[in-house]
Amino acid sequence: VVRAVADAVMDPQGRAIDICGGSGHLTRSLADRAASAPILADL
């Protein structure tokens, strides 16, 4: 789902954020979707 939606909404300069993303497994799916590094937020 994240890859499909990212392909539609992300542009090269855009950013994504993974909230409550734990150890970053899903953040990894966002890493090649834009030039800006994804943000991983967790407690």
ModelCIF file with pLDDT and N, C-alpha, C, O atoms, coordinates in Angstrom:
data_MODEL
#
_entry.id   MODEL 
#
_entity.id                         1 
_entity.type                       polymer 
_entity.pdbx_number_of_molecules   1 
#
_entity_poly.entity_id                      1 
_entity_poly.type                           'polypeptide(L)' 
_entity_poly.nstd_linkage                   no 
_entity_poly.nstd_monomer                   no 
_entity_poly.pdbx_seq_one_letter_code       VVRAVADAVMDPQGRAIDICGGSGHLTRSLADRAASAPILADL 
_entity_poly.pdbx_seq_one_letter_code_can   VVRAVADAVMDPQGRAIDICGGSGHLTRSLADRAASAPILADL 
_entity_poly.pdbx_strand_id                 A 
#
loop_
_entity_poly_seq.entity_id 
_entity_poly_seq.num 
_entity_poly_seq.mon_id 
_entity_poly_seq.hetero 
1 1  VAL n 
1 2  VAL n 
1 3  ARG n 
1 4  ALA n 
1 5  VAL n 
1 6  ALA n 
1 7  ASP n 
1 8  ALA n 
1 9  VAL n 
1 10 MET n 
1 11 ASP n 
1 12 PRO n 
1 13 GLN n 
1 14 GLY n 
1 15 ARG n 
1 16 ALA n 
1 17 ILE n 
1 18 ASP n 
1 19 ILE n 
1 20 CYS n 
1 21 GLY n 
1 22 GLY n 
1 23 SER n 
1 24 GLY n 
1 25 HIS n 
1 26 LEU n 
1 27 THR n 
1 28 ARG n 
1 29 SER n 
1 30 LEU n 
1 31 ALA n 
1 32 ASP n 
1 33 ARG n 
1 34 ALA n 
1 35 ALA n 
1 36 SER n 
1 37 ALA n 
1 38 PRO n 
1 39 ILE n 
1 40 LEU n 
1 41 ALA n 
1 42 ASP n 
1 43 LEU n 
#
_struct_asym.id          A 
_struct_asym.entity_id   1 
#
loop_
_ma_qa_metric.id 
_ma_qa_metric.mode 
_ma_qa_metric.name 
_ma_qa_metric.software_group_id 
_ma_qa_metric.type 
1 global pLDDT . pLDDT 
2 local  pLDDT . pLDDT 
#
_ma_qa_metric_global.metric_id      1 
_ma_qa_metric_global.metric_value   94.44 
_ma_qa_metric_global.model_id       1 
_ma_qa_metric_global.ordinal_id     1 
#
loop_
_ma_qa_metric_local.label_asym_id 
_ma_qa_metric_local.label_comp_id 
_ma_qa_metric_local.label_seq_id 
_ma_qa_metric_local.metric_id 
_ma_qa_metric_local.metric_value 
_ma_qa_metric_local.model_id 
_ma_qa_metric_local.ordinal_id 
A VAL 1  2 98.00 1 1  
A VAL 2  2 97.00 1 2  
A ARG 3  2 96.00 1 3  
A ALA 4  2 96.00 1 4  
A VAL 5  2 97.00 1 5  
A ALA 6  2 96.00 1 6  
A ASP 7  2 93.00 1 7  
A ALA 8  2 94.00 1 8  
A VAL 9  2 96.00 1 9  
A MET 10 2 95.00 1 10 
A ASP 11 2 90.00 1 11 
A PRO 12 2 85.00 1 12 
A GLN 13 2 86.00 1 13 
A GLY 14 2 92.00 1 14 
A ARG 15 2 96.00 1 15 
A ALA 16 2 98.00 1 16 
A ILE 17 2 98.00 1 17 
A ASP 18 2 98.00 1 18 
A ILE 19 2 98.00 1 19 
A CYS 20 2 98.00 1 20 
A GLY 21 2 98.00 1 21 
A GLY 22 2 96.00 1 22 
A SER 23 2 96.00 1 23 
A GLY 24 2 97.00 1 24 
A HIS 25 2 97.00 1 25 
A LEU 26 2 97.00 1 26 
A THR 27 2 98.00 1 27 
A ARG 28 2 97.00 1 28 
A SER 29 2 95.00 1 29 
A LEU 30 2 95.00 1 30 
A ALA 31 2 91.00 1 31 
A ASP 32 2 86.00 1 32 
A ARG 33 2 85.00 1 33 
A ALA 34 2 82.00 1 34 
A ALA 35 2 81.00 1 35 
A SER 36 2 91.00 1 36 
A ALA 37 2 95.00 1 37 
A PRO 38 2 97.00 1 38 
A ILE 39 2 98.00 1 39 
A LEU 40 2 98.00 1 40 
A ALA 41 2 98.00 1 41 
A ASP 42 2 98.00 1 42 
A LEU 43 2 98.00 1 43 
#
loop_
_atom_site.group_PDB 
_atom_site.id 
_atom_site.type_symbol 
_atom_site.label_atom_id 
_atom_site.label_alt_id 
_atom_site.label_comp_id 
_atom_site.label_asym_id 
_atom_site.label_entity_id 
_atom_site.label_seq_id 
_atom_site.pdbx_PDB_ins_code 
_atom_site.Cartn_x 
_atom_site.Cartn_y 
_atom_site.Cartn_z 
_atom_site.occupancy 
_atom_site.B_iso_or_equiv 
_atom_site.pdbx_formal_charge 
_atom_site.auth_seq_id 
_atom_site.auth_comp_id 
_atom_site.auth_asym_id 
_atom_site.auth_atom_id 
_atom_site.pdbx_PDB_model_num 
ATOM 1   N N  . VAL A 1 1  ? 0.832  -1.207 0.000  1.00 98.00 ? 1  VAL A N  1 
ATOM 2   C CA . VAL A 1 1  ? 0.000  0.000  0.000  1.00 98.00 ? 1  VAL A CA 1 
ATOM 3   C C  . VAL A 1 1  ? 0.865  1.255  0.000  1.00 98.00 ? 1  VAL A C  1 
ATOM 4   O O  . VAL A 1 1  ? 0.613  2.185  -0.765 1.00 98.00 ? 1  VAL A O  1 
ATOM 5   N N  . VAL A 1 2  ? 1.882  1.281  0.853  1.00 97.00 ? 2  VAL A N  1 
ATOM 6   C CA . VAL A 1 2  ? 2.739  2.468  0.949  1.00 97.00 ? 2  VAL A CA 1 
ATOM 7   C C  . VAL A 1 2  ? 3.469  2.725  -0.360 1.00 97.00 ? 2  VAL A C  1 
ATOM 8   O O  . VAL A 1 2  ? 3.574  3.871  -0.795 1.00 97.00 ? 2  VAL A O  1 
ATOM 9   N N  . ARG A 1 3  ? 3.971  1.677  -0.988 1.00 96.00 ? 3  ARG A N  1 
ATOM 10  C CA . ARG A 1 3  ? 4.677  1.857  -2.259 1.00 96.00 ? 3  ARG A CA 1 
ATOM 11  C C  . ARG A 1 3  ? 3.732  2.359  -3.350 1.00 96.00 ? 3  ARG A C  1 
ATOM 12  O O  . ARG A 1 3  ? 4.084  3.236  -4.139 1.00 96.00 ? 3  ARG A O  1 
ATOM 13  N N  . ALA A 1 4  ? 2.534  1.793  -3.383 1.00 96.00 ? 4  ALA A N  1 
ATOM 14  C CA . ALA A 1 4  ? 1.573  2.202  -4.405 1.00 96.00 ? 4  ALA A CA 1 
ATOM 15  C C  . ALA A 1 4  ? 1.191  3.671  -4.242 1.00 96.00 ? 4  ALA A C  1 
ATOM 16  O O  . ALA A 1 4  ? 1.178  4.423  -5.217 1.00 96.00 ? 4  ALA A O  1 
ATOM 17  N N  . VAL A 1 5  ? 0.882  4.076  -3.024 1.00 97.00 ? 5  VAL A N  1 
ATOM 18  C CA . VAL A 1 5  ? 0.469  5.469  -2.792 1.00 97.00 ? 5  VAL A CA 1 
ATOM 19  C C  . VAL A 1 5  ? 1.653  6.419  -2.984 1.00 97.00 ? 5  VAL A C  1 
ATOM 20  O O  . VAL A 1 5  ? 1.496  7.513  -3.527 1.00 97.00 ? 5  VAL A O  1 
ATOM 21  N N  . ALA A 1 6  ? 2.840  5.996  -2.533 1.00 96.00 ? 6  ALA A N  1 
ATOM 22  C CA . ALA A 1 6  ? 4.019  6.847  -2.710 1.00 96.00 ? 6  ALA A CA 1 
ATOM 23  C C  . ALA A 1 6  ? 4.288  7.112  -4.182 1.00 96.00 ? 6  ALA A C  1 
ATOM 24  O O  . ALA A 1 6  ? 4.654  8.228  -4.550 1.00 96.00 ? 6  ALA A O  1 
ATOM 25  N N  . ASP A 1 7  ? 4.114  6.106  -5.030 1.00 93.00 ? 7  ASP A N  1 
ATOM 26  C CA . ASP A 1 7  ? 4.334  6.303  -6.469 1.00 93.00 ? 7  ASP A CA 1 
ATOM 27  C C  . ASP A 1 7  ? 3.390  7.361  -7.038 1.00 93.00 ? 7  ASP A C  1 
ATOM 28  O O  . ASP A 1 7  ? 3.729  8.043  -8.005 1.00 93.00 ? 7  ASP A O  1 
ATOM 29  N N  . ALA A 1 8  ? 2.212  7.497  -6.440 1.00 94.00 ? 8  ALA A N  1 
ATOM 30  C CA . ALA A 1 8  ? 1.241  8.469  -6.936 1.00 94.00 ? 8  ALA A CA 1 
ATOM 31  C C  . ALA A 1 8  ? 1.493  9.874  -6.397 1.00 94.00 ? 8  ALA A C  1 
ATOM 32  O O  . ALA A 1 8  ? 1.330  10.847 -7.132 1.00 94.00 ? 8  ALA A O  1 
ATOM 33  N N  . VAL A 1 9  ? 1.884  10.001 -5.134 1.00 96.00 ? 9  VAL A N  1 
ATOM 34  C CA . VAL A 1 9  ? 1.896  11.336 -4.516 1.00 96.00 ? 9  VAL A CA 1 
ATOM 35  C C  . VAL A 1 9  ? 3.282  11.948 -4.357 1.00 96.00 ? 9  VAL A C  1 
ATOM 36  O O  . VAL A 1 9  ? 3.397  13.167 -4.231 1.00 96.00 ? 9  VAL A O  1 
ATOM 37  N N  . MET A 1 10 ? 4.340  11.135 -4.359 1.00 95.00 ? 10 MET A N  1 
ATOM 38  C CA . MET A 1 10 ? 5.667  11.675 -4.072 1.00 95.00 ? 10 MET A CA 1 
ATOM 39  C C  . MET A 1 10 ? 6.290  12.291 -5.310 1.00 95.00 ? 10 MET A C  1 
ATOM 40  O O  . MET A 1 10 ? 6.219  11.715 -6.396 1.00 95.00 ? 10 MET A O  1 
ATOM 41  N N  . ASP A 1 11 ? 6.899  13.458 -5.152 1.00 90.00 ? 11 ASP A N  1 
ATOM 42  C CA . ASP A 1 11 ? 7.726  14.019 -6.211 1.00 90.00 ? 11 ASP A CA 1 
ATOM 43  C C  . ASP A 1 11 ? 9.180  13.997 -5.742 1.00 90.00 ? 11 ASP A C  1 
ATOM 44  O O  . ASP A 1 11 ? 9.428  13.747 -4.562 1.00 90.00 ? 11 ASP A O  1 
ATOM 45  N N  . PRO A 1 12 ? 10.146 14.251 -6.623 1.00 85.00 ? 12 PRO A N  1 
ATOM 46  C CA . PRO A 1 12 ? 11.553 14.079 -6.239 1.00 85.00 ? 12 PRO A CA 1 
ATOM 47  C C  . PRO A 1 12 ? 11.988 14.883 -5.023 1.00 85.00 ? 12 PRO A C  1 
ATOM 48  O O  . PRO A 1 12 ? 12.904 14.469 -4.314 1.00 85.00 ? 12 PRO A O  1 
ATOM 49  N N  . GLN A 1 13 ? 11.354 16.021 -4.765 1.00 86.00 ? 13 GLN A N  1 
ATOM 50  C CA . GLN A 1 13 ? 11.751 16.846 -3.631 1.00 86.00 ? 13 GLN A CA 1 
ATOM 51  C C  . GLN A 1 13 ? 10.862 16.635 -2.405 1.00 86.00 ? 13 GLN A C  1 
ATOM 52  O O  . GLN A 1 13 ? 11.042 17.306 -1.389 1.00 86.00 ? 13 GLN A O  1 
ATOM 53  N N  . GLY A 1 14 ? 9.919  15.721 -2.491 1.00 92.00 ? 14 GLY A N  1 
ATOM 54  C CA . GLY A 1 14 ? 8.981  15.514 -1.398 1.00 92.00 ? 14 GLY A CA 1 
ATOM 55  C C  . GLY A 1 14 ? 9.573  14.721 -0.245 1.00 92.00 ? 14 GLY A C  1 
ATOM 56  O O  . GLY A 1 14 ? 10.646 14.127 -0.356 1.00 92.00 ? 14 GLY A O  1 
ATOM 57  N N  . ARG A 1 15 ? 8.850  14.728 0.855  1.00 96.00 ? 15 ARG A N  1 
ATOM 58  C CA . ARG A 1 15 ? 9.249  13.982 2.040  1.00 96.00 ? 15 ARG A CA 1 
ATOM 59  C C  . ARG A 1 15 ? 8.115  13.055 2.466  1.00 96.00 ? 15 ARG A C  1 
ATOM 60  O O  . ARG A 1 15 ? 6.940  13.302 2.193  1.00 96.00 ? 15 ARG A O  1 
ATOM 61  N N  . ALA A 1 16 ? 8.511  11.975 3.147  1.00 98.00 ? 16 ALA A N  1 
ATOM 62  C CA . ALA A 1 16 ? 7.548  11.066 3.759  1.00 98.00 ? 16 ALA A CA 1 
ATOM 63  C C  . ALA A 1 16 ? 7.930  10.872 5.213  1.00 98.00 ? 16 ALA A C  1 
ATOM 64  O O  . ALA A 1 16 ? 9.089  11.041 5.592  1.00 98.00 ? 16 ALA A O  1 
ATOM 65  N N  . ILE A 1 17 ? 6.935  10.512 6.029  1.00 98.00 ? 17 ILE A N  1 
ATOM 66  C CA . ILE A 1 17 ? 7.194  10.242 7.442  1.00 98.00 ? 17 ILE A CA 1 
ATOM 67  C C  . ILE A 1 17 ? 6.491  8.951  7.842  1.00 98.00 ? 17 ILE A C  1 
ATOM 68  O O  . ILE A 1 17 ? 5.347  8.705  7.461  1.00 98.00 ? 17 ILE A O  1 
ATOM 69  N N  . ASP A 1 18 ? 7.194  8.136  8.616  1.00 98.00 ? 18 ASP A N  1 
ATOM 70  C CA . ASP A 1 18 ? 6.677  6.884  9.168  1.00 98.00 ? 18 ASP A CA 1 
ATOM 71  C C  . ASP A 1 18 ? 6.537  7.092  10.676 1.00 98.00 ? 18 ASP A C  1 
ATOM 72  O O  . ASP A 1 18 ? 7.529  7.095  11.405 1.00 98.00 ? 18 ASP A O  1 
ATOM 73  N N  . ILE A 1 19 ? 5.290  7.266  11.139 1.00 98.00 ? 19 ILE A N  1 
ATOM 74  C CA . ILE A 1 19 ? 5.016  7.574  12.544 1.00 98.00 ? 19 ILE A CA 1 
ATOM 75  C C  . ILE A 1 19 ? 4.820  6.277  13.316 1.00 98.00 ? 19 ILE A C  1 
ATOM 76  O O  . ILE A 1 19 ? 4.151  5.360  12.840 1.00 98.00 ? 19 ILE A O  1 
ATOM 77  N N  . CYS A 1 20 ? 5.406  6.201  14.509 1.00 98.00 ? 20 CYS A N  1 
ATOM 78  C CA . CYS A 1 20 ? 5.403  4.958  15.302 1.00 98.00 ? 20 CYS A CA 1 
ATOM 79  C C  . CYS A 1 20 ? 6.031  3.842  14.484 1.00 98.00 ? 20 CYS A C  1 
ATOM 80  O O  . CYS A 1 20 ? 5.552  2.708  14.492 1.00 98.00 ? 20 CYS A O  1 
ATOM 81  N N  . GLY A 1 21 ? 7.107  4.170  13.778 1.00 98.00 ? 21 GLY A N  1 
ATOM 82  C CA . GLY A 1 21 ? 7.702  3.253  12.804 1.00 98.00 ? 21 GLY A CA 1 
ATOM 83  C C  . GLY A 1 21 ? 8.661  2.236  13.369 1.00 98.00 ? 21 GLY A C  1 
ATOM 84  O O  . GLY A 1 21 ? 9.245  1.465  12.608 1.00 98.00 ? 21 GLY A O  1 
ATOM 85  N N  . GLY A 1 22 ? 8.851  2.202  14.703 1.00 96.00 ? 22 GLY A N  1 
ATOM 86  C CA . GLY A 1 22 ? 9.676  1.164  15.308 1.00 96.00 ? 22 GLY A CA 1 
ATOM 87  C C  . GLY A 1 22 ? 11.088 1.152  14.768 1.00 96.00 ? 22 GLY A C  1 
ATOM 88  O O  . GLY A 1 22 ? 11.762 2.182  14.742 1.00 96.00 ? 22 GLY A O  1 
ATOM 89  N N  . SER A 1 23 ? 11.536 -0.019 14.336 1.00 96.00 ? 23 SER A N  1 
ATOM 90  C CA . SER A 1 23 ? 12.908 -0.185 13.827 1.00 96.00 ? 23 SER A CA 1 
ATOM 91  C C  . SER A 1 23 ? 13.035 0.079  12.338 1.00 96.00 ? 23 SER A C  1 
ATOM 92  O O  . SER A 1 23 ? 14.038 -0.296 11.730 1.00 96.00 ? 23 SER A O  1 
ATOM 93  N N  . GLY A 1 24 ? 12.046 0.714  11.743 1.00 97.00 ? 24 GLY A N  1 
ATOM 94  C CA . GLY A 1 24 ? 12.216 1.245  10.397 1.00 97.00 ? 24 GLY A CA 1 
ATOM 95  C C  . GLY A 1 24 ? 11.984 0.283  9.254  1.00 97.00 ? 24 GLY A C  1 
ATOM 96  O O  . GLY A 1 24 ? 12.424 0.549  8.136  1.00 97.00 ? 24 GLY A O  1 
ATOM 97  N N  . HIS A 1 25 ? 11.297 -0.843 9.499  1.00 97.00 ? 25 HIS A N  1 
ATOM 98  C CA . HIS A 1 25 ? 11.086 -1.794 8.413  1.00 97.00 ? 25 HIS A CA 1 
ATOM 99  C C  . HIS A 1 25 ? 10.263 -1.174 7.284  1.00 97.00 ? 25 HIS A C  1 
ATOM 100 O O  . HIS A 1 25 ? 10.605 -1.330 6.111  1.00 97.00 ? 25 HIS A O  1 
ATOM 101 N N  . LEU A 1 26 ? 9.192  -0.478 7.626  1.00 97.00 ? 26 LEU A N  1 
ATOM 102 C CA . LEU A 1 26 ? 8.386  0.161  6.589  1.00 97.00 ? 26 LEU A CA 1 
ATOM 103 C C  . LEU A 1 26 ? 9.050  1.444  6.088  1.00 97.00 ? 26 LEU A C  1 
ATOM 104 O O  . LEU A 1 26 ? 8.863  1.821  4.931  1.00 97.00 ? 26 LEU A O  1 
ATOM 105 N N  . THR A 1 27 ? 9.811  2.107  6.928  1.00 98.00 ? 27 THR A N  1 
ATOM 106 C CA . THR A 1 27 ? 10.572 3.285  6.486  1.00 98.00 ? 27 THR A CA 1 
ATOM 107 C C  . THR A 1 27 ? 11.473 2.918  5.316  1.00 98.00 ? 27 THR A C  1 
ATOM 108 O O  . THR A 1 27 ? 11.676 3.712  4.397  1.00 98.00 ? 27 THR A O  1 
ATOM 109 N N  . ARG A 1 28 ? 12.006 1.710  5.362  1.00 97.00 ? 28 ARG A N  1 
ATOM 110 C CA . ARG A 1 28 ? 12.865 1.213  4.273  1.00 97.00 ? 28 ARG A CA 1 
ATOM 111 C C  . ARG A 1 28 ? 12.126 1.234  2.932  1.00 97.00 ? 28 ARG A C  1 
ATOM 112 O O  . ARG A 1 28 ? 12.738 1.472  1.891  1.00 97.00 ? 28 ARG A O  1 
ATOM 113 N N  . SER A 1 29 ? 10.819 0.989  2.956  1.00 95.00 ? 29 SER A N  1 
ATOM 114 C CA . SER A 1 29 ? 10.026 1.006  1.725  1.00 95.00 ? 29 SER A CA 1 
ATOM 115 C C  . SER A 1 29 ? 9.925  2.402  1.139  1.00 95.00 ? 29 SER A C  1 
ATOM 116 O O  . SER A 1 29 ? 9.635  2.551  -0.049 1.00 95.00 ? 29 SER A O  1 
ATOM 117 N N  . LEU A 1 30 ? 10.158 3.429  1.949  1.00 95.00 ? 30 LEU A N  1 
ATOM 118 C CA . LEU A 1 30 ? 10.045 4.812  1.500  1.00 95.00 ? 30 LEU A CA 1 
ATOM 119 C C  . LEU A 1 30 ? 11.374 5.400  1.050  1.00 95.00 ? 30 LEU A C  1 
ATOM 120 O O  . LEU A 1 30 ? 11.412 6.479  0.459  1.00 95.00 ? 30 LEU A O  1 
ATOM 121 N N  . ALA A 1 31 ? 12.464 4.692  1.328  1.00 91.00 ? 31 ALA A N  1 
ATOM 122 C CA . ALA A 1 31 ? 13.794 5.290  1.176  1.00 91.00 ? 31 ALA A CA 1 
ATOM 123 C C  . ALA A 1 31 ? 14.129 5.645  -0.264 1.00 91.00 ? 31 ALA A C  1 
ATOM 124 O O  . ALA A 1 31 ? 14.875 6.595  -0.499 1.00 91.00 ? 31 ALA A O  1 
ATOM 125 N N  . ASP A 1 32 ? 13.596 4.906  -1.236 1.00 86.00 ? 32 ASP A N  1 
ATOM 126 C CA . ASP A 1 32 ? 13.945 5.187  -2.629 1.00 86.00 ? 32 ASP A CA 1 
ATOM 127 C C  . ASP A 1 32 ? 12.820 5.902  -3.366 1.00 86.00 ? 32 ASP A C  1 
ATOM 128 O O  . ASP A 1 32 ? 12.807 5.926  -4.597 1.00 86.00 ? 32 ASP A O  1 
ATOM 129 N N  . ARG A 1 33 ? 11.868 6.488  -2.625 1.00 85.00 ? 33 ARG A N  1 
ATOM 130 C CA . ARG A 1 33 ? 10.729 7.125  -3.263 1.00 85.00 ? 33 ARG A CA 1 
ATOM 131 C C  . ARG A 1 33 ? 10.916 8.621  -3.485 1.00 85.00 ? 33 ARG A C  1 
ATOM 132 O O  . ARG A 1 33 ? 10.109 9.228  -4.190 1.00 85.00 ? 33 ARG A O  1 
ATOM 133 N N  . ALA A 1 34 ? 11.936 9.233  -2.919 1.00 82.00 ? 34 ALA A N  1 
ATOM 134 C CA . ALA A 1 34 ? 12.191 10.666 -3.098 1.00 82.00 ? 34 ALA A CA 1 
ATOM 135 C C  . ALA A 1 34 ? 13.641 10.946 -2.740 1.00 82.00 ? 34 ALA A C  1 
ATOM 136 O O  . ALA A 1 34 ? 14.305 10.133 -2.098 1.00 82.00 ? 34 ALA A O  1 
ATOM 137 N N  . ALA A 1 35 ? 14.123 12.111 -3.166 1.00 81.00 ? 35 ALA A N  1 
ATOM 138 C CA . ALA A 1 35 ? 15.507 12.472 -2.870 1.00 81.00 ? 35 ALA A CA 1 
ATOM 139 C C  . ALA A 1 35 ? 15.703 12.780 -1.396 1.00 81.00 ? 35 ALA A C  1 
ATOM 140 O O  . ALA A 1 35 ? 16.780 12.534 -0.852 1.00 81.00 ? 35 ALA A O  1 
ATOM 141 N N  . SER A 1 36 ? 14.674 13.317 -0.740 1.00 91.00 ? 36 SER A N  1 
ATOM 142 C CA . SER A 1 36 ? 14.775 13.649 0.683  1.00 91.00 ? 36 SER A CA 1 
ATOM 143 C C  . SER A 1 36 ? 14.612 12.395 1.523  1.00 91.00 ? 36 SER A C  1 
ATOM 144 O O  . SER A 1 36 ? 13.733 11.575 1.257  1.00 91.00 ? 36 SER A O  1 
ATOM 145 N N  . ALA A 1 37 ? 15.456 12.243 2.536  1.00 95.00 ? 37 ALA A N  1 
ATOM 146 C CA . ALA A 1 37 ? 15.399 11.065 3.397  1.00 95.00 ? 37 ALA A CA 1 
ATOM 147 C C  . ALA A 1 37 ? 14.072 11.016 4.142  1.00 95.00 ? 37 ALA A C  1 
ATOM 148 O O  . ALA A 1 37 ? 13.601 12.047 4.621  1.00 95.00 ? 37 ALA A O  1 
ATOM 149 N N  . PRO A 1 38 ? 13.456 9.835  4.250  1.00 97.00 ? 38 PRO A N  1 
ATOM 150 C CA . PRO A 1 38 ? 12.230 9.735  5.037  1.00 97.00 ? 38 PRO A CA 1 
ATOM 151 C C  . PRO A 1 38 ? 12.510 9.961  6.517  1.00 97.00 ? 38 PRO A C  1 
ATOM 152 O O  . PRO A 1 38 ? 13.589 9.642  7.017  1.00 97.00 ? 38 PRO A O  1 
ATOM 153 N N  . ILE A 1 39 ? 11.528 10.510 7.200  1.00 98.00 ? 39 ILE A N  1 
ATOM 154 C CA . ILE A 1 39 ? 11.600 10.690 8.646  1.00 98.00 ? 39 ILE A CA 1 
ATOM 155 C C  . ILE A 1 39 ? 11.001 9.456  9.312  1.00 98.00 ? 39 ILE A C  1 
ATOM 156 O O  . ILE A 1 39 ? 9.930  8.992  8.921  1.00 98.00 ? 39 ILE A O  1 
ATOM 157 N N  . LEU A 1 40 ? 11.688 8.930  10.310 1.00 98.00 ? 40 LEU A N  1 
ATOM 158 C CA . LEU A 1 40 ? 11.181 7.830  11.127 1.00 98.00 ? 40 LEU A CA 1 
ATOM 159 C C  . LEU A 1 40 ? 10.944 8.376  12.529 1.00 98.00 ? 40 LEU A C  1 
ATOM 160 O O  . LEU A 1 40 ? 11.882 8.813  13.195 1.00 98.00 ? 40 LEU A O  1 
ATOM 161 N N  . ALA A 1 41 ? 9.691  8.351  12.978 1.00 98.00 ? 41 ALA A N  1 
ATOM 162 C CA . ALA A 1 41 ? 9.329  8.877  14.287 1.00 98.00 ? 41 ALA A CA 1 
ATOM 163 C C  . ALA A 1 41 ? 8.868  7.743  15.190 1.00 98.00 ? 41 ALA A C  1 
ATOM 164 O O  . ALA A 1 41 ? 8.006  6.950  14.811 1.00 98.00 ? 41 ALA A O  1 
ATOM 165 N N  . ASP A 1 42 ? 9.439  7.668  16.377 1.00 98.00 ? 42 ASP A N  1 
ATOM 166 C CA . ASP A 1 42 ? 9.043  6.641  17.341 1.00 98.00 ? 42 ASP A CA 1 
ATOM 167 C C  . ASP A 1 42 ? 9.445  7.113  18.732 1.00 98.00 ? 42 ASP A C  1 
ATOM 168 O O  . ASP A 1 42 ? 10.330 7.954  18.887 1.00 98.00 ? 42 ASP A O  1 
ATOM 169 N N  . LEU A 1 43 ? 8.778  6.556  19.744 1.00 98.00 ? 43 LEU A N  1 
ATOM 170 C CA . LEU A 1 43 ? 9.069  6.942  21.126 1.00 98.00 ? 43 LEU A CA 1 
ATOM 171 C C  . LEU A 1 43 ? 10.339 6.294  21.644 1.00 98.00 ? 43 LEU A C  1 
ATOM 172 O O  . LEU A 1 43 ? 10.723 6.518  22.792 1.00 98.00 ? 43 LEU A O  1 
#
